[in-house]
């Protein structure tokens, strides 16, 4: 069975390692310290949420035997979708600015942060909510 969260986590993890190595070894002399700091921050938040997506995907595999209710599947999609879009907005905007994009796109960064928060809040909600009897 396909698991989109595991697939996205794998691709994102690959990107984090490859881009992190490239930034550390190939961009040190090209980019200014502020740009390198943006890349480092973007990679850090991307890797945190890559690991979270990995855990979400693994939990889905472990939970398949019990056939989770539709509301939990919907919540997982909200959580994973929020984290994926958060990475694109938050980390993506920092990467773009590091490579010379206009600082006008900086307004996208807090949208990504808000998406991260939505995912975490949704996880807390479904974790604390009493299952229907």
N, C-alpha and C. Protein backbone atom coordinates (compact mmCIF):
# COMPACT_ATOMS: atom_id res chain seq x y z
N UNK A 1 0.84 -1.18 0.00
CA UNK A 1 0.00 0.00 0.00
C UNK A 1 0.89 1.25 0.00
N UNK A 2 0.52 2.22 -0.80
CA UNK A 2 1.28 3.46 -0.87
C UNK A 2 1.10 4.27 0.40
N UNK A 3 2.17 4.93 0.80
CA UNK A 3 2.12 5.78 1.98
C UNK A 3 2.77 7.11 1.60
N UNK A 4 1.94 8.10 1.33
CA UNK A 4 2.45 9.38 0.84
C UNK A 4 3.34 10.08 1.85
N UNK A 5 3.07 9.91 3.14
CA UNK A 5 3.90 10.59 4.13
C UNK A 5 5.29 9.99 4.21
N UNK A 6 5.39 8.67 4.08
CA UNK A 6 6.72 8.06 4.05
C UNK A 6 7.48 8.47 2.79
N UNK A 7 6.80 8.53 1.67
CA UNK A 7 7.45 8.92 0.42
C UNK A 7 7.95 10.37 0.49
N UNK A 8 7.11 11.27 0.98
CA UNK A 8 7.51 12.67 1.11
C UNK A 8 8.65 12.81 2.12
N UNK A 9 8.57 12.07 3.24
CA UNK A 9 9.64 12.12 4.23
C UNK A 9 10.96 11.64 3.63
N UNK A 10 10.92 10.58 2.84
CA UNK A 10 12.13 10.07 2.21
C UNK A 10 12.73 11.09 1.25
N UNK A 11 11.89 11.68 0.42
CA UNK A 11 12.39 12.68 -0.53
C UNK A 11 12.90 13.93 0.18
N UNK A 12 12.18 14.35 1.19
CA UNK A 12 12.60 15.54 1.93
C UNK A 12 13.89 15.28 2.70
N UNK A 13 14.03 14.11 3.29
CA UNK A 13 15.26 13.75 3.99
C UNK A 13 16.44 13.72 3.03
N UNK A 14 16.22 13.15 1.85
CA UNK A 14 17.27 13.13 0.83
C UNK A 14 17.69 14.54 0.48
N UNK A 15 16.69 15.41 0.26
CA UNK A 15 16.98 16.80 -0.08
C UNK A 15 17.76 17.49 1.03
N UNK A 16 17.34 17.30 2.27
CA UNK A 16 18.02 17.94 3.41
C UNK A 16 19.49 17.56 3.45
N UNK A 17 19.79 16.29 3.29
CA UNK A 17 21.18 15.85 3.35
C UNK A 17 21.96 16.38 2.15
N UNK A 18 21.41 16.24 0.96
CA UNK A 18 22.11 16.69 -0.25
C UNK A 18 22.31 18.21 -0.25
N UNK A 19 21.25 18.94 0.04
CA UNK A 19 21.35 20.40 0.02
C UNK A 19 22.21 20.92 1.17
N UNK A 20 22.09 20.27 2.32
CA UNK A 20 22.92 20.66 3.46
C UNK A 20 24.40 20.49 3.17
N UNK A 21 24.76 19.37 2.55
CA UNK A 21 26.16 19.13 2.19
C UNK A 21 26.62 20.13 1.13
N UNK A 22 25.77 20.38 0.16
CA UNK A 22 26.10 21.36 -0.89
C UNK A 22 26.30 22.75 -0.29
N UNK A 23 25.42 23.12 0.62
CA UNK A 23 25.53 24.44 1.25
C UNK A 23 26.80 24.54 2.09
N UNK A 24 27.09 23.48 2.83
CA UNK A 24 28.27 23.51 3.71
C UNK A 24 29.57 23.50 2.93
N UNK A 25 29.61 22.82 1.80
CA UNK A 25 30.87 22.67 1.07
C UNK A 25 30.96 23.50 -0.20
N UNK A 26 29.83 23.77 -0.83
CA UNK A 26 29.88 24.47 -2.11
C UNK A 26 29.45 25.92 -2.08
N UNK A 27 28.75 26.32 -1.03
CA UNK A 27 28.20 27.68 -1.02
C UNK A 27 28.89 28.60 -0.01
N UNK A 28 29.80 28.07 0.79
CA UNK A 28 30.46 28.87 1.83
C UNK A 28 31.13 30.11 1.25
N UNK A 29 31.76 29.98 0.09
CA UNK A 29 32.50 31.10 -0.49
C UNK A 29 31.65 31.95 -1.42
N UNK A 30 30.46 31.47 -1.73
CA UNK A 30 29.61 32.18 -2.69
C UNK A 30 28.58 33.07 -2.00
N UNK A 31 27.97 32.56 -0.94
CA UNK A 31 26.89 33.28 -0.26
C UNK A 31 27.39 34.00 0.98
N UNK A 32 26.72 35.08 1.32
CA UNK A 32 27.09 35.81 2.53
C UNK A 32 26.59 35.07 3.77
N UNK A 33 27.09 35.42 4.94
CA UNK A 33 26.71 34.71 6.17
C UNK A 33 25.21 34.71 6.45
N UNK A 34 24.52 35.80 6.14
CA UNK A 34 23.07 35.86 6.38
C UNK A 34 22.34 34.84 5.51
N UNK A 35 22.75 34.73 4.25
CA UNK A 35 22.13 33.76 3.35
C UNK A 35 22.38 32.34 3.84
N UNK A 36 23.57 32.06 4.30
CA UNK A 36 23.88 30.73 4.84
C UNK A 36 23.07 30.45 6.11
N UNK A 37 22.83 31.48 6.89
CA UNK A 37 22.01 31.33 8.10
C UNK A 37 20.57 30.99 7.72
N UNK A 38 20.05 31.63 6.67
CA UNK A 38 18.69 31.32 6.20
C UNK A 38 18.62 29.86 5.75
N UNK A 39 19.63 29.42 5.03
CA UNK A 39 19.64 28.03 4.57
C UNK A 39 19.69 27.08 5.76
N UNK A 40 20.52 27.39 6.73
CA UNK A 40 20.63 26.54 7.92
C UNK A 40 19.29 26.47 8.67
N UNK A 41 18.63 27.61 8.83
CA UNK A 41 17.33 27.63 9.51
C UNK A 41 16.30 26.84 8.71
N UNK A 42 16.27 27.04 7.41
CA UNK A 42 15.33 26.30 6.56
C UNK A 42 15.56 24.80 6.65
N UNK A 43 16.82 24.38 6.60
CA UNK A 43 17.14 22.96 6.68
C UNK A 43 16.77 22.38 8.05
N UNK A 44 16.99 23.15 9.10
CA UNK A 44 16.67 22.66 10.44
C UNK A 44 15.17 22.39 10.57
N UNK A 45 14.35 23.35 10.18
CA UNK A 45 12.91 23.17 10.29
C UNK A 45 12.41 22.11 9.31
N UNK A 46 13.03 22.04 8.14
CA UNK A 46 12.63 21.01 7.19
C UNK A 46 12.94 19.63 7.75
N UNK A 47 14.11 19.45 8.35
CA UNK A 47 14.47 18.14 8.89
C UNK A 47 13.58 17.77 10.08
N UNK A 48 13.27 18.71 10.95
CA UNK A 48 12.35 18.42 12.06
C UNK A 48 11.03 17.87 11.53
N UNK A 49 10.50 18.52 10.51
CA UNK A 49 9.19 18.13 10.01
C UNK A 49 9.29 16.92 9.08
N UNK A 50 10.45 16.67 8.51
CA UNK A 50 10.67 15.44 7.77
C UNK A 50 10.59 14.25 8.74
N UNK A 51 11.22 14.39 9.89
CA UNK A 51 11.16 13.32 10.89
C UNK A 51 9.74 13.14 11.42
N UNK A 52 9.02 14.25 11.58
CA UNK A 52 7.63 14.16 12.03
C UNK A 52 6.77 13.45 10.98
N UNK A 53 6.98 13.75 9.70
CA UNK A 53 6.25 13.08 8.63
C UNK A 53 6.60 11.59 8.58
N UNK A 54 7.86 11.27 8.82
CA UNK A 54 8.28 9.88 8.87
C UNK A 54 7.53 9.15 9.98
N UNK A 55 7.46 9.76 11.16
CA UNK A 55 6.74 9.15 12.27
C UNK A 55 5.26 9.00 11.94
N UNK A 56 4.68 9.99 11.30
CA UNK A 56 3.26 9.93 10.92
C UNK A 56 3.03 8.78 9.95
N UNK A 57 3.91 8.65 8.96
CA UNK A 57 3.78 7.55 8.00
C UNK A 57 3.95 6.20 8.64
N UNK A 58 4.91 6.07 9.55
CA UNK A 58 5.12 4.80 10.24
C UNK A 58 3.94 4.46 11.15
N UNK A 59 3.38 5.49 11.78
CA UNK A 59 2.21 5.26 12.63
C UNK A 59 1.03 4.77 11.79
N UNK A 60 0.88 5.34 10.61
CA UNK A 60 -0.20 4.89 9.74
C UNK A 60 -0.03 3.42 9.37
N UNK A 61 1.19 3.01 9.07
CA UNK A 61 1.43 1.61 8.73
C UNK A 61 1.08 0.72 9.93
N UNK A 62 1.53 1.10 11.11
CA UNK A 62 1.27 0.31 12.31
C UNK A 62 -0.21 0.26 12.65
N UNK A 63 -0.92 1.31 12.32
CA UNK A 63 -2.33 1.43 12.68
C UNK A 63 -3.27 0.84 11.62
N UNK A 64 -2.74 0.43 10.47
CA UNK A 64 -3.59 -0.09 9.40
C UNK A 64 -4.32 -1.36 9.81
N UNK A 65 -3.69 -2.15 10.65
CA UNK A 65 -4.31 -3.41 11.07
C UNK A 65 -5.62 -3.14 11.79
N UNK A 66 -5.69 -2.05 12.52
CA UNK A 66 -6.89 -1.74 13.30
C UNK A 66 -7.93 -0.97 12.50
N UNK A 67 -7.64 -0.65 11.26
CA UNK A 67 -8.58 0.06 10.39
C UNK A 67 -9.08 1.35 11.04
N UNK A 68 -8.26 2.41 11.05
CA UNK A 68 -8.63 3.64 11.76
C UNK A 68 -9.89 4.28 11.20
N UNK A 69 -10.64 4.98 12.07
CA UNK A 69 -11.84 5.65 11.60
C UNK A 69 -11.50 6.75 10.60
N UNK A 70 -12.49 7.11 9.80
CA UNK A 70 -12.30 8.10 8.74
C UNK A 70 -11.86 9.45 9.32
N UNK A 71 -12.34 9.80 10.51
CA UNK A 71 -11.97 11.09 11.10
C UNK A 71 -10.47 11.13 11.41
N UNK A 72 -9.89 10.01 11.82
CA UNK A 72 -8.46 9.98 12.09
C UNK A 72 -7.68 10.09 10.79
N UNK A 73 -8.13 9.42 9.74
CA UNK A 73 -7.46 9.52 8.44
C UNK A 73 -7.50 10.96 7.94
N UNK A 74 -8.63 11.62 8.12
CA UNK A 74 -8.75 13.02 7.72
C UNK A 74 -7.81 13.90 8.54
N UNK A 75 -7.73 13.63 9.84
CA UNK A 75 -6.83 14.40 10.70
C UNK A 75 -5.38 14.18 10.28
N UNK A 76 -5.02 12.94 9.95
CA UNK A 76 -3.65 12.67 9.48
C UNK A 76 -3.35 13.46 8.21
N UNK A 77 -4.32 13.56 7.32
CA UNK A 77 -4.11 14.34 6.10
C UNK A 77 -3.93 15.82 6.41
N UNK A 78 -4.67 16.32 7.39
CA UNK A 78 -4.50 17.72 7.80
C UNK A 78 -3.12 17.92 8.41
N UNK A 79 -2.72 17.01 9.29
CA UNK A 79 -1.41 17.12 9.93
C UNK A 79 -0.29 17.07 8.89
N UNK A 80 -0.28 16.00 8.13
CA UNK A 80 0.78 15.83 7.13
C UNK A 80 0.77 16.91 6.07
N UNK A 81 -0.42 17.28 5.62
CA UNK A 81 -0.52 18.34 4.61
C UNK A 81 -0.03 19.67 5.14
N UNK A 82 -0.37 19.97 6.39
CA UNK A 82 0.10 21.22 7.00
C UNK A 82 1.62 21.24 7.10
N UNK A 83 2.19 20.12 7.53
CA UNK A 83 3.65 20.06 7.66
C UNK A 83 4.33 20.15 6.29
N UNK A 84 3.77 19.48 5.29
CA UNK A 84 4.38 19.54 3.95
C UNK A 84 4.32 20.95 3.38
N UNK A 85 3.15 21.57 3.46
CA UNK A 85 3.02 22.95 2.98
C UNK A 85 3.85 23.91 3.81
N UNK A 86 3.95 23.64 5.10
CA UNK A 86 4.80 24.46 5.97
C UNK A 86 6.24 24.43 5.53
N UNK A 87 6.74 23.25 5.19
CA UNK A 87 8.12 23.13 4.70
C UNK A 87 8.27 23.93 3.41
N UNK A 88 7.32 23.78 2.50
CA UNK A 88 7.42 24.52 1.23
C UNK A 88 7.43 26.03 1.45
N UNK A 89 6.55 26.50 2.30
CA UNK A 89 6.45 27.95 2.53
C UNK A 89 7.60 28.47 3.40
N UNK A 90 7.81 27.84 4.55
CA UNK A 90 8.81 28.33 5.49
C UNK A 90 10.22 28.13 4.93
N UNK A 91 10.60 26.89 4.72
CA UNK A 91 11.95 26.61 4.26
C UNK A 91 12.16 27.11 2.83
N UNK A 92 11.17 26.90 1.99
CA UNK A 92 11.29 27.34 0.60
C UNK A 92 11.53 28.83 0.46
N UNK A 93 10.83 29.63 1.25
CA UNK A 93 11.03 31.08 1.17
C UNK A 93 12.42 31.48 1.66
N UNK A 94 12.91 30.80 2.70
CA UNK A 94 14.27 31.08 3.18
C UNK A 94 15.32 30.69 2.15
N UNK A 95 15.13 29.53 1.50
CA UNK A 95 16.07 29.11 0.46
C UNK A 95 16.05 30.11 -0.70
N UNK A 96 14.86 30.53 -1.08
CA UNK A 96 14.75 31.47 -2.20
C UNK A 96 15.44 32.80 -1.88
N UNK A 97 15.24 33.31 -0.67
CA UNK A 97 15.89 34.57 -0.30
C UNK A 97 17.41 34.41 -0.24
N UNK A 98 17.88 33.24 0.21
CA UNK A 98 19.32 32.99 0.28
C UNK A 98 19.95 33.05 -1.10
N UNK A 99 19.18 32.65 -2.11
CA UNK A 99 19.70 32.66 -3.47
C UNK A 99 19.34 33.92 -4.24
N UNK A 100 18.90 34.95 -3.54
CA UNK A 100 18.72 36.25 -4.17
C UNK A 100 17.32 36.67 -4.51
N UNK A 101 16.32 35.88 -4.15
CA UNK A 101 14.94 36.30 -4.41
C UNK A 101 14.65 37.56 -3.59
N UNK A 102 13.70 38.31 -4.04
CA UNK A 102 13.32 39.53 -3.36
C UNK A 102 12.91 39.26 -1.91
N UNK A 103 13.28 40.15 -1.04
CA UNK A 103 12.87 40.01 0.37
C UNK A 103 11.36 40.17 0.52
N UNK A 104 10.69 40.57 -0.55
CA UNK A 104 9.24 40.70 -0.50
C UNK A 104 8.57 39.35 -0.23
N UNK A 105 9.27 38.24 -0.54
CA UNK A 105 8.66 36.93 -0.28
C UNK A 105 8.80 36.51 1.18
N UNK A 106 9.43 37.35 1.98
CA UNK A 106 9.58 37.02 3.40
C UNK A 106 8.23 36.86 4.09
N UNK A 107 7.17 37.42 3.55
CA UNK A 107 5.85 37.28 4.15
C UNK A 107 5.35 35.83 4.08
N UNK A 108 5.95 35.01 3.21
CA UNK A 108 5.54 33.61 3.09
C UNK A 108 6.07 32.79 4.28
N UNK A 109 7.21 33.20 4.83
CA UNK A 109 7.84 32.45 5.92
C UNK A 109 6.90 32.25 7.12
N UNK A 110 6.26 33.30 7.64
CA UNK A 110 5.37 33.06 8.79
C UNK A 110 4.12 32.25 8.43
N UNK A 111 3.73 32.25 7.17
CA UNK A 111 2.62 31.38 6.76
C UNK A 111 3.05 29.92 6.94
N UNK A 112 4.28 29.63 6.55
CA UNK A 112 4.81 28.28 6.76
C UNK A 112 4.86 27.92 8.23
N UNK A 113 5.29 28.87 9.06
CA UNK A 113 5.33 28.63 10.50
C UNK A 113 3.94 28.37 11.06
N UNK A 114 2.96 29.10 10.56
CA UNK A 114 1.57 28.89 11.00
C UNK A 114 1.07 27.51 10.58
N UNK A 115 1.45 27.08 9.38
CA UNK A 115 1.08 25.74 8.93
C UNK A 115 1.71 24.66 9.81
N UNK A 116 2.96 24.87 10.23
CA UNK A 116 3.58 23.93 11.17
C UNK A 116 2.73 23.85 12.45
N UNK A 117 2.34 25.01 12.96
CA UNK A 117 1.55 25.05 14.19
C UNK A 117 0.19 24.36 14.02
N UNK A 118 -0.44 24.55 12.87
CA UNK A 118 -1.72 23.89 12.61
C UNK A 118 -1.56 22.38 12.67
N UNK A 119 -0.50 21.87 12.06
CA UNK A 119 -0.25 20.43 12.09
C UNK A 119 -0.04 19.92 13.50
N UNK A 120 0.77 20.62 14.28
CA UNK A 120 1.02 20.20 15.67
C UNK A 120 -0.23 20.32 16.53
N UNK A 121 -1.01 21.38 16.33
CA UNK A 121 -2.24 21.54 17.11
C UNK A 121 -3.25 20.45 16.76
N UNK A 122 -3.32 20.08 15.50
CA UNK A 122 -4.22 19.00 15.08
C UNK A 122 -3.79 17.68 15.69
N UNK A 123 -2.49 17.43 15.72
CA UNK A 123 -1.98 16.22 16.35
C UNK A 123 -2.34 16.19 17.84
N UNK A 124 -2.17 17.31 18.51
CA UNK A 124 -2.55 17.38 19.93
C UNK A 124 -4.04 17.14 20.11
N UNK A 125 -4.84 17.72 19.26
CA UNK A 125 -6.30 17.58 19.35
C UNK A 125 -6.73 16.12 19.21
N UNK A 126 -6.25 15.43 18.16
CA UNK A 126 -6.69 14.05 17.98
C UNK A 126 -6.09 13.11 19.03
N UNK A 127 -4.96 13.51 19.59
CA UNK A 127 -4.34 12.69 20.63
C UNK A 127 -5.08 12.79 21.95
N UNK A 128 -5.67 13.95 22.23
CA UNK A 128 -6.36 14.17 23.50
C UNK A 128 -7.86 13.91 23.43
N UNK A 129 -8.39 13.87 22.23
CA UNK A 129 -9.83 13.68 22.06
C UNK A 129 -10.23 12.27 22.44
N UNK A 130 -11.33 12.16 23.15
CA UNK A 130 -11.84 10.85 23.54
C UNK A 130 -12.44 10.15 22.30
N UNK A 131 -12.10 8.88 22.10
CA UNK A 131 -12.73 8.18 20.99
C UNK A 131 -14.22 7.97 21.26
N UNK A 132 -15.01 8.00 20.20
CA UNK A 132 -16.45 7.78 20.35
C UNK A 132 -16.70 6.32 20.65
N UNK A 133 -17.56 6.10 21.61
CA UNK A 133 -17.89 4.74 22.04
C UNK A 133 -19.01 4.17 21.21
